[in-house]
Amino acid sequence: MKRAVSISLGSSKRDKTIETTLLGQPIRIERIGADGDMERAAQMYKELDGKVDAFGVGGADLGVMADTKWYPFFSVQPMVRFVKQTPLVDGTGVKNTLERRVAAFIENSIGAEIQPKRVLFTAGVDRWGMTKSFLDAKYECVFGDLMFALDIPIPIRSETALKRLAAILMPVVGRMPFEMLYPTGEKQEKNTPKFGKWYEWGTVIAGDCHFIKRFMPARLDGKTICTNTTTLEDVQIFRAAGVRHLVTTTPVMEDRSFGTNMIEAALVAISGKGRKLTLDELNELLDKLGFQPQLQKLN
């Protein structure tokens, strides 16, 4: 049986293991949280290196791919320093393949209900495939990269401005401690409502699930959430807030949509190539599997 393991800086309360079959290959998919402890995560990688078929980096990114430019997060590199044998992915490949299809899926499924066509992104640089997907579908976009990551209340309104922002800030931001930019461990469970004006403005709220929940207001009546890495508890939170539709960019398996890193690690494992896959290889596997975003009507 193939084995893909995502070691996450996130809370261990969100751990999940399933066994399934993909393209005739039995596979064990595991998510293990390190509760914000980067050194603990590093030791887990060390212990499992060479013993599993693929690693996912969860609760953190090795970097972000904005358009064609790669910006590394240097503070995350020590966490994976012991990985020498097992292929390692952080979900960037799935963000630029499977998530690239999500706006078209929404338009085909519930497009008539999305009026006006406005989307608030928690961070556009972090999910470039999703960003391009909504831009190509002619949605009006507000990118909250400065708001959600740096607590600077300035919205970004165009692809050009977003790329310019990435070019200016990412060489600096990439050297900041990752926990300053993104909730890890128990911080993922906290909710501090902010930026309510922009949550109200967007018909669709898109991006990382932890960012969405971290700052969301008590009510999101009639909104569509486009995200991934959702647990049953997350779904209940969105339902209670009045969210109408939940679109997960990764497939739901046993009531859980895993992170992009976990899905990419699973694809690497079943490919048998023993290395990170190209975007073309990922798209080919996704098509063979029939993977696509999934829609749940909550209210």
Foldseek 3Di string as FASTA:
>chain_A
DAEEEEEELAAQVLWDWDWDAAPNRIYIFTYGHPQNDLVVLLVVLLVCAPVHAAYEYHHDAQFFQQPNDTFGQVQNVSSPVNRDFHAYHHLNLCLQALLLCALVVCCVPPVVLQPPQEEEECACRRRVSNVNSSVVVVGFYWGNQCCLFVVDPDTDTDSVSNVVCCVPPRNPNSHDNVCSGGPGRPLLVAADADPAVVLVVGLEYEYELSSCRNHPDQANANHEYEYFFDAPVSLVSCLNNRHFKYKYSWDQDPRHGHDSRSVQRVLSRVVPPSYRDDSVSVNVSCVVRVIHIDMDGRD
